[in-house]
Amino acid sequence: MSRKNAREDTFRIIFESLINKMEPEEYLLRYFEEVKKPVIEEEKAFLNEPTGKDNEYVKKVVDGVLGKQEELDGIIKENLKDWDVSRISKVSLAALRLALFEIMYMDDIPTGVAANEAVELAKRYEGQECASFVNGALGSAIEKLGK
């Protein structure tokens, strides 16, 4: 599995956390046991199976985003023009939280890659308007963070 696919899986878990109220461990358990489990044995050959490194990335980022949610939301709020965090779409919020965590806490991920991937996820899941919003908010945050 590529980092891009692992990032998308991570984004989906973060998005789910905005809808369902569960403990962080429950999201990861569901992901590792249910979401990535092939329906039948023959499917394994066609699946893009996650590696140990992918699983480590997913766990680290999901735990980090959920654990630092208040801090991340504070940064998001500081960079919204005439918006409140509670008013933005769940797709936008998930993409912003993911990107900001990667930018702030994952030294092996370049800032531009984290930002671009978040914008692409926003576009894929909600469209160009969402992508533009995420791009603007991230651009402002990156500048203020000095990244």
N, C-alpha and C. Protein backbone atom coordinates (compact mmCIF):
# COMPACT_ATOMS: atom_id res chain seq x y z
N MET A 1 0.85 -1.17 0.00
CA MET A 1 0.00 0.00 0.00
C MET A 1 0.90 1.23 0.00
N SER A 2 0.51 2.23 -0.73
CA SER A 2 1.29 3.46 -0.77
C SER A 2 0.93 4.36 0.41
N ARG A 3 1.79 5.32 0.69
CA ARG A 3 1.50 6.29 1.75
C ARG A 3 0.22 7.04 1.42
N LYS A 4 0.01 7.30 0.13
CA LYS A 4 -1.21 8.01 -0.29
C LYS A 4 -2.46 7.22 0.11
N ASN A 5 -2.44 5.91 -0.09
CA ASN A 5 -3.58 5.07 0.30
C ASN A 5 -3.73 5.01 1.82
N ALA A 6 -2.61 4.91 2.52
CA ALA A 6 -2.66 4.90 3.99
C ALA A 6 -3.21 6.23 4.50
N ARG A 7 -2.82 7.33 3.84
CA ARG A 7 -3.33 8.65 4.23
C ARG A 7 -4.83 8.74 3.99
N GLU A 8 -5.30 8.20 2.89
CA GLU A 8 -6.74 8.23 2.62
C GLU A 8 -7.50 7.40 3.65
N ASP A 9 -6.97 6.25 4.00
CA ASP A 9 -7.60 5.44 5.06
C ASP A 9 -7.63 6.22 6.37
N THR A 10 -6.54 6.90 6.67
CA THR A 10 -6.47 7.71 7.89
C THR A 10 -7.50 8.82 7.86
N PHE A 11 -7.61 9.50 6.72
CA PHE A 11 -8.62 10.56 6.54
C PHE A 11 -10.02 10.01 6.80
N ARG A 12 -10.30 8.83 6.28
CA ARG A 12 -11.63 8.24 6.46
C ARG A 12 -11.91 7.91 7.93
N ILE A 13 -10.90 7.47 8.65
CA ILE A 13 -11.08 7.19 10.08
C ILE A 13 -11.34 8.50 10.83
N ILE A 14 -10.58 9.54 10.51
CA ILE A 14 -10.77 10.85 11.15
C ILE A 14 -12.17 11.37 10.84
N PHE A 15 -12.59 11.23 9.59
CA PHE A 15 -13.94 11.65 9.19
C PHE A 15 -14.99 10.88 10.00
N GLU A 16 -14.80 9.57 10.11
CA GLU A 16 -15.75 8.75 10.88
C GLU A 16 -15.82 9.20 12.33
N SER A 17 -14.69 9.64 12.88
CA SER A 17 -14.68 10.09 14.27
C SER A 17 -15.53 11.33 14.47
N LEU A 18 -15.78 12.07 13.41
CA LEU A 18 -16.63 13.26 13.49
C LEU A 18 -18.11 12.90 13.47
N ILE A 19 -18.42 11.70 13.04
CA ILE A 19 -19.81 11.26 12.92
C ILE A 19 -20.20 10.34 14.07
N ASN A 20 -19.36 9.34 14.34
CA ASN A 20 -19.63 8.35 15.39
C ASN A 20 -18.80 8.66 16.61
N LYS A 21 -19.40 8.61 17.74
CA LYS A 21 -18.68 8.89 18.99
C LYS A 21 -18.19 7.57 19.59
N MET A 22 -16.93 7.26 19.33
CA MET A 22 -16.31 6.06 19.88
C MET A 22 -14.94 6.46 20.43
N GLU A 23 -14.35 5.57 21.16
CA GLU A 23 -12.99 5.77 21.65
C GLU A 23 -12.02 5.58 20.47
N PRO A 24 -10.86 6.28 20.48
CA PRO A 24 -9.90 6.14 19.39
C PRO A 24 -9.52 4.69 19.09
N GLU A 25 -9.38 3.88 20.14
CA GLU A 25 -9.00 2.48 19.95
C GLU A 25 -10.06 1.74 19.13
N GLU A 26 -11.32 2.12 19.29
CA GLU A 26 -12.39 1.46 18.57
C GLU A 26 -12.31 1.73 17.07
N TYR A 27 -11.94 2.95 16.70
CA TYR A 27 -11.79 3.28 15.28
C TYR A 27 -10.69 2.43 14.66
N LEU A 28 -9.56 2.35 15.36
CA LEU A 28 -8.43 1.59 14.84
C LEU A 28 -8.75 0.10 14.79
N LEU A 29 -9.38 -0.41 15.82
CA LEU A 29 -9.76 -1.82 15.84
C LEU A 29 -10.68 -2.13 14.66
N ARG A 30 -11.65 -1.28 14.44
CA ARG A 30 -12.58 -1.47 13.32
C ARG A 30 -11.83 -1.44 11.99
N TYR A 31 -10.92 -0.50 11.86
CA TYR A 31 -10.14 -0.38 10.63
C TYR A 31 -9.31 -1.64 10.39
N PHE A 32 -8.54 -2.06 11.39
CA PHE A 32 -7.64 -3.18 11.20
C PHE A 32 -8.37 -4.52 11.11
N GLU A 33 -9.50 -4.66 11.77
CA GLU A 33 -10.20 -5.95 11.77
C GLU A 33 -11.30 -6.06 10.73
N GLU A 34 -12.00 -4.98 10.46
CA GLU A 34 -13.16 -5.06 9.57
C GLU A 34 -12.92 -4.45 8.20
N VAL A 35 -12.49 -3.20 8.18
CA VAL A 35 -12.39 -2.48 6.92
C VAL A 35 -11.36 -3.11 6.00
N LYS A 36 -10.24 -3.56 6.52
CA LYS A 36 -9.17 -4.11 5.69
C LYS A 36 -9.25 -5.62 5.52
N LYS A 37 -10.29 -6.25 6.05
CA LYS A 37 -10.43 -7.70 5.95
C LYS A 37 -11.09 -8.05 4.62
N PRO A 38 -10.47 -8.87 3.79
CA PRO A 38 -11.11 -9.26 2.54
C PRO A 38 -12.36 -10.10 2.80
N VAL A 39 -13.32 -9.95 1.92
CA VAL A 39 -14.58 -10.68 2.07
C VAL A 39 -14.35 -12.17 1.85
N ILE A 40 -13.58 -12.51 0.85
CA ILE A 40 -13.26 -13.92 0.60
C ILE A 40 -11.75 -14.05 0.38
N GLU A 41 -11.24 -15.22 0.59
CA GLU A 41 -9.80 -15.45 0.50
C GLU A 41 -9.22 -15.04 -0.86
N GLU A 42 -9.96 -15.27 -1.95
CA GLU A 42 -9.46 -14.96 -3.28
C GLU A 42 -9.24 -13.47 -3.49
N GLU A 43 -9.91 -12.63 -2.71
CA GLU A 43 -9.75 -11.18 -2.86
C GLU A 43 -8.37 -10.71 -2.44
N LYS A 44 -7.70 -11.45 -1.59
CA LYS A 44 -6.41 -11.01 -1.07
C LYS A 44 -5.42 -10.67 -2.19
N ALA A 45 -5.46 -11.41 -3.26
CA ALA A 45 -4.54 -11.16 -4.36
C ALA A 45 -4.79 -9.82 -5.03
N PHE A 46 -6.01 -9.31 -4.92
CA PHE A 46 -6.36 -8.07 -5.61
C PHE A 46 -6.35 -6.85 -4.69
N LEU A 47 -6.25 -7.06 -3.40
CA LEU A 47 -6.28 -5.94 -2.46
C LEU A 47 -4.90 -5.31 -2.35
N ASN A 48 -4.92 -4.04 -2.08
CA ASN A 48 -3.70 -3.30 -1.82
C ASN A 48 -3.46 -3.39 -0.31
N GLU A 49 -2.92 -4.51 0.12
CA GLU A 49 -2.77 -4.81 1.55
C GLU A 49 -1.84 -3.81 2.22
N PRO A 50 -2.22 -3.34 3.40
CA PRO A 50 -1.33 -2.44 4.14
C PRO A 50 -0.13 -3.19 4.70
N THR A 51 1.00 -2.51 4.73
CA THR A 51 2.21 -3.09 5.32
C THR A 51 2.27 -2.69 6.79
N GLY A 52 3.23 -3.24 7.50
CA GLY A 52 3.43 -2.85 8.89
C GLY A 52 3.70 -1.37 9.02
N LYS A 53 4.46 -0.82 8.07
CA LYS A 53 4.77 0.61 8.07
C LYS A 53 3.50 1.43 7.86
N ASP A 54 2.63 0.97 6.96
CA ASP A 54 1.36 1.67 6.72
C ASP A 54 0.51 1.66 7.98
N ASN A 55 0.44 0.50 8.63
CA ASN A 55 -0.35 0.38 9.85
C ASN A 55 0.19 1.29 10.95
N GLU A 56 1.52 1.39 11.05
CA GLU A 56 2.13 2.28 12.04
C GLU A 56 1.75 3.73 11.75
N TYR A 57 1.80 4.11 10.47
CA TYR A 57 1.42 5.48 10.08
C TYR A 57 -0.03 5.76 10.46
N VAL A 58 -0.94 4.86 10.08
CA VAL A 58 -2.37 5.05 10.37
C VAL A 58 -2.57 5.20 11.88
N LYS A 59 -1.99 4.31 12.65
CA LYS A 59 -2.16 4.36 14.11
C LYS A 59 -1.59 5.64 14.69
N LYS A 60 -0.39 6.01 14.28
CA LYS A 60 0.26 7.21 14.82
C LYS A 60 -0.56 8.46 14.50
N VAL A 61 -1.02 8.58 13.27
CA VAL A 61 -1.74 9.79 12.88
C VAL A 61 -3.14 9.84 13.49
N VAL A 62 -3.86 8.73 13.48
CA VAL A 62 -5.20 8.73 14.09
C VAL A 62 -5.09 9.05 15.58
N ASP A 63 -4.19 8.36 16.28
CA ASP A 63 -4.00 8.64 17.71
C ASP A 63 -3.61 10.11 17.93
N GLY A 64 -2.71 10.60 17.09
CA GLY A 64 -2.24 11.98 17.23
C GLY A 64 -3.32 13.00 16.96
N VAL A 65 -4.06 12.81 15.87
CA VAL A 65 -5.13 13.76 15.52
C VAL A 65 -6.20 13.77 16.61
N LEU A 66 -6.63 12.60 17.04
CA LEU A 66 -7.67 12.55 18.06
C LEU A 66 -7.16 13.06 19.41
N GLY A 67 -5.90 12.81 19.71
CA GLY A 67 -5.32 13.27 20.96
C GLY A 67 -5.03 14.76 21.00
N LYS A 68 -4.76 15.34 19.85
CA LYS A 68 -4.42 16.76 19.77
C LYS A 68 -5.53 17.57 19.09
N GLN A 69 -6.72 17.02 19.10
CA GLN A 69 -7.86 17.63 18.42
C GLN A 69 -8.09 19.08 18.86
N GLU A 70 -8.03 19.34 20.14
CA GLU A 70 -8.27 20.70 20.66
C GLU A 70 -7.22 21.67 20.11
N GLU A 71 -5.97 21.27 20.14
CA GLU A 71 -4.88 22.11 19.63
C GLU A 71 -5.05 22.36 18.13
N LEU A 72 -5.33 21.30 17.38
CA LEU A 72 -5.50 21.42 15.93
C LEU A 72 -6.69 22.32 15.61
N ASP A 73 -7.79 22.14 16.33
CA ASP A 73 -8.97 22.97 16.08
C ASP A 73 -8.71 24.43 16.42
N GLY A 74 -7.88 24.68 17.43
CA GLY A 74 -7.50 26.06 17.76
C GLY A 74 -6.75 26.71 16.61
N ILE A 75 -5.85 25.97 16.00
CA ILE A 75 -5.10 26.49 14.85
C ILE A 75 -6.03 26.70 13.67
N ILE A 76 -6.93 25.76 13.45
CA ILE A 76 -7.90 25.91 12.36
C ILE A 76 -8.73 27.17 12.58
N LYS A 77 -9.24 27.34 13.80
CA LYS A 77 -10.08 28.50 14.11
C LYS A 77 -9.34 29.81 13.87
N GLU A 78 -8.07 29.86 14.25
CA GLU A 78 -7.26 31.07 14.04
C GLU A 78 -7.13 31.43 12.57
N ASN A 79 -7.29 30.45 11.70
CA ASN A 79 -7.05 30.67 10.28
C ASN A 79 -8.31 30.66 9.43
N LEU A 80 -9.45 30.71 10.06
CA LEU A 80 -10.72 30.80 9.34
C LEU A 80 -11.16 32.25 9.32
N LYS A 81 -11.53 32.71 8.17
CA LYS A 81 -12.01 34.08 8.05
C LYS A 81 -13.53 34.07 8.13
N ASP A 82 -14.06 34.64 9.19
CA ASP A 82 -15.52 34.74 9.39
C ASP A 82 -16.20 33.37 9.45
N TRP A 83 -15.49 32.37 9.95
CA TRP A 83 -16.05 31.03 10.09
C TRP A 83 -15.76 30.53 11.49
N ASP A 84 -16.55 29.60 11.94
CA ASP A 84 -16.30 28.92 13.20
C ASP A 84 -16.08 27.45 12.85
N VAL A 85 -15.25 26.78 13.61
CA VAL A 85 -14.94 25.36 13.35
C VAL A 85 -16.22 24.53 13.27
N SER A 86 -17.20 24.86 14.09
CA SER A 86 -18.45 24.07 14.11
C SER A 86 -19.25 24.22 12.82
N ARG A 87 -18.96 25.23 12.01
CA ARG A 87 -19.72 25.46 10.78
C ARG A 87 -19.10 24.84 9.53
N ILE A 88 -17.86 24.41 9.61
CA ILE A 88 -17.24 23.86 8.40
C ILE A 88 -17.63 22.40 8.23
N SER A 89 -17.56 21.94 6.99
CA SER A 89 -17.98 20.56 6.70
C SER A 89 -17.06 19.56 7.38
N LYS A 90 -17.58 18.39 7.61
CA LYS A 90 -16.80 17.33 8.24
C LYS A 90 -15.63 16.89 7.36
N VAL A 91 -15.83 16.93 6.04
CA VAL A 91 -14.74 16.59 5.12
C VAL A 91 -13.62 17.62 5.27
N SER A 92 -13.98 18.90 5.27
CA SER A 92 -12.97 19.96 5.43
C SER A 92 -12.24 19.81 6.75
N LEU A 93 -12.98 19.58 7.82
CA LEU A 93 -12.38 19.46 9.14
C LEU A 93 -11.44 18.26 9.22
N ALA A 94 -11.85 17.13 8.68
CA ALA A 94 -10.99 15.94 8.68
C ALA A 94 -9.71 16.20 7.89
N ALA A 95 -9.84 16.82 6.72
CA ALA A 95 -8.67 17.11 5.88
C ALA A 95 -7.72 18.09 6.58
N LEU A 96 -8.29 19.12 7.20
CA LEU A 96 -7.46 20.11 7.90
C LEU A 96 -6.75 19.50 9.10
N ARG A 97 -7.46 18.73 9.89
CA ARG A 97 -6.83 18.09 11.06
C ARG A 97 -5.69 17.17 10.63
N LEU A 98 -5.94 16.36 9.60
CA LEU A 98 -4.92 15.44 9.10
C LEU A 98 -3.68 16.20 8.64
N ALA A 99 -3.88 17.20 7.79
CA ALA A 99 -2.74 17.94 7.25
C ALA A 99 -1.97 18.67 8.35
N LEU A 100 -2.68 19.33 9.24
CA LEU A 100 -1.98 20.06 10.30
C LEU A 100 -1.19 19.13 11.21
N PHE A 101 -1.75 17.97 11.52
CA PHE A 101 -0.99 17.02 12.35
C PHE A 101 0.28 16.59 11.61
N GLU A 102 0.16 16.25 10.34
CA GLU A 102 1.34 15.83 9.57
C GLU A 102 2.37 16.96 9.51
N ILE A 103 1.92 18.18 9.28
CA ILE A 103 2.83 19.32 9.17
C ILE A 103 3.55 19.59 10.49
N MET A 104 2.82 19.51 11.58
CA MET A 104 3.38 19.86 12.88
C MET A 104 4.16 18.74 13.55
N TYR A 105 3.78 17.49 13.31
CA TYR A 105 4.34 16.39 14.10
C TYR A 105 5.01 15.27 13.30
N MET A 106 4.96 15.32 12.00
CA MET A 106 5.55 14.25 11.18
C MET A 106 6.69 14.85 10.35
N ASP A 107 7.88 14.83 10.90
CA ASP A 107 9.03 15.47 10.25
C ASP A 107 9.39 14.84 8.91
N ASP A 108 8.99 13.59 8.70
CA ASP A 108 9.34 12.91 7.45
C ASP A 108 8.39 13.26 6.31
N ILE A 109 7.36 14.07 6.58
CA ILE A 109 6.40 14.45 5.54
C ILE A 109 6.58 15.93 5.24
N PRO A 110 6.98 16.27 4.01
CA PRO A 110 7.13 17.68 3.65
C PRO A 110 5.80 18.43 3.77
N THR A 111 5.88 19.67 4.19
CA THR A 111 4.69 20.50 4.36
C THR A 111 3.85 20.54 3.10
N GLY A 112 4.49 20.73 1.96
CA GLY A 112 3.77 20.82 0.69
C GLY A 112 3.02 19.54 0.35
N VAL A 113 3.61 18.41 0.67
CA VAL A 113 2.95 17.12 0.42
C VAL A 113 1.71 16.98 1.30
N ALA A 114 1.85 17.28 2.59
CA ALA A 114 0.72 17.18 3.51
C ALA A 114 -0.42 18.09 3.06
N ALA A 115 -0.09 19.31 2.69
CA ALA A 115 -1.12 20.27 2.26
C ALA A 115 -1.77 19.83 0.96
N ASN A 116 -0.97 19.44 -0.02
CA ASN A 116 -1.52 19.03 -1.31
C ASN A 116 -2.41 17.80 -1.19
N GLU A 117 -1.99 16.83 -0.39
CA GLU A 117 -2.80 15.62 -0.21
C GLU A 117 -4.13 15.94 0.46
N ALA A 118 -4.12 16.86 1.42
CA ALA A 118 -5.37 17.25 2.09
C ALA A 118 -6.31 17.93 1.11
N VAL A 119 -5.77 18.79 0.27
CA VAL A 119 -6.59 19.47 -0.75
C VAL A 119 -7.17 18.44 -1.72
N GLU A 120 -6.37 17.48 -2.14
CA GLU A 120 -6.86 16.45 -3.06
C GLU A 120 -7.94 15.58 -2.42
N LEU A 121 -7.78 15.24 -1.15
CA LEU A 121 -8.81 14.46 -0.45
C LEU A 121 -10.11 15.27 -0.35
N ALA A 122 -9.99 16.55 -0.04
CA ALA A 122 -11.18 17.41 0.05
C ALA A 122 -11.89 17.47 -1.30
N LYS A 123 -11.11 17.60 -2.36
CA LYS A 123 -11.69 17.66 -3.71
C LYS A 123 -12.38 16.34 -4.06
N ARG A 124 -11.73 15.24 -3.75
CA ARG A 124 -12.28 13.93 -4.09
C ARG A 124 -13.58 13.64 -3.34
N TYR A 125 -13.63 14.02 -2.07
CA TYR A 125 -14.78 13.65 -1.25
C TYR A 125 -15.87 14.71 -1.20
N GLU A 126 -15.55 15.97 -1.55
CA GLU A 126 -16.59 16.99 -1.47
C GLU A 126 -16.59 17.99 -2.62
N GLY A 127 -15.56 18.01 -3.44
CA GLY A 127 -15.58 18.90 -4.59
C GLY A 127 -14.60 20.06 -4.50
N GLN A 128 -14.57 20.83 -5.57
CA GLN A 128 -13.60 21.91 -5.72
C GLN A 128 -13.78 23.02 -4.68
N GLU A 129 -15.01 23.34 -4.34
CA GLU A 129 -15.24 24.41 -3.37
C GLU A 129 -14.62 24.05 -2.01
N CYS A 130 -14.81 22.82 -1.61
CA CYS A 130 -14.21 22.33 -0.36
C CYS A 130 -12.69 22.36 -0.46
N ALA A 131 -12.16 21.93 -1.59
CA ALA A 131 -10.71 21.91 -1.79
C ALA A 131 -10.13 23.32 -1.70
N SER A 132 -10.82 24.28 -2.29
CA SER A 132 -10.35 25.67 -2.24
C SER A 132 -10.37 26.20 -0.80
N PHE A 133 -11.41 25.86 -0.07
CA PHE A 133 -11.51 26.26 1.33
C PHE A 133 -10.35 25.68 2.14
N VAL A 134 -10.11 24.38 1.99
CA VAL A 134 -9.02 23.70 2.71
C VAL A 134 -7.68 24.32 2.32
N ASN A 135 -7.48 24.57 1.04
CA ASN A 135 -6.24 25.17 0.56
C ASN A 135 -6.00 26.53 1.21
N GLY A 136 -7.03 27.37 1.26
CA GLY A 136 -6.89 28.69 1.86
C GLY A 136 -6.59 28.64 3.34
N ALA A 137 -7.32 27.80 4.06
CA ALA A 137 -7.12 27.68 5.51
C ALA A 137 -5.73 27.12 5.81
N LEU A 138 -5.31 26.12 5.05
CA LEU A 138 -3.97 25.54 5.27
C LEU A 138 -2.87 26.53 4.92
N GLY A 139 -3.05 27.26 3.82
CA GLY A 139 -2.05 28.26 3.43
C GLY A 139 -1.82 29.27 4.53
N SER A 140 -2.90 29.75 5.11
CA SER A 140 -2.81 30.71 6.21
C SER A 140 -2.14 30.08 7.43
N ALA A 141 -2.53 28.87 7.77
CA ALA A 141 -1.96 28.18 8.94
C ALA A 141 -0.47 27.91 8.75
N ILE A 142 -0.09 27.47 7.57
CA ILE A 142 1.31 27.16 7.28
C ILE A 142 2.16 28.43 7.43
N GLU A 143 1.64 29.53 6.92
CA GLU A 143 2.37 30.80 7.02
C GLU A 143 2.55 31.20 8.49
N LYS A 144 1.47 31.11 9.27
CA LYS A 144 1.55 31.48 10.69
C LYS A 144 2.45 30.54 11.49
N LEU A 145 2.47 29.27 11.10
CA LEU A 145 3.33 28.29 11.78
C LEU A 145 4.79 28.41 11.36
N GLY A 146 5.05 29.17 10.31
CA GLY A 146 6.41 29.32 9.82
C GLY A 146 6.95 28.08 9.15
N LYS A 147 6.05 27.30 8.56
CA LYS A 147 6.46 26.05 7.90
C LYS A 147 6.59 26.32 6.43
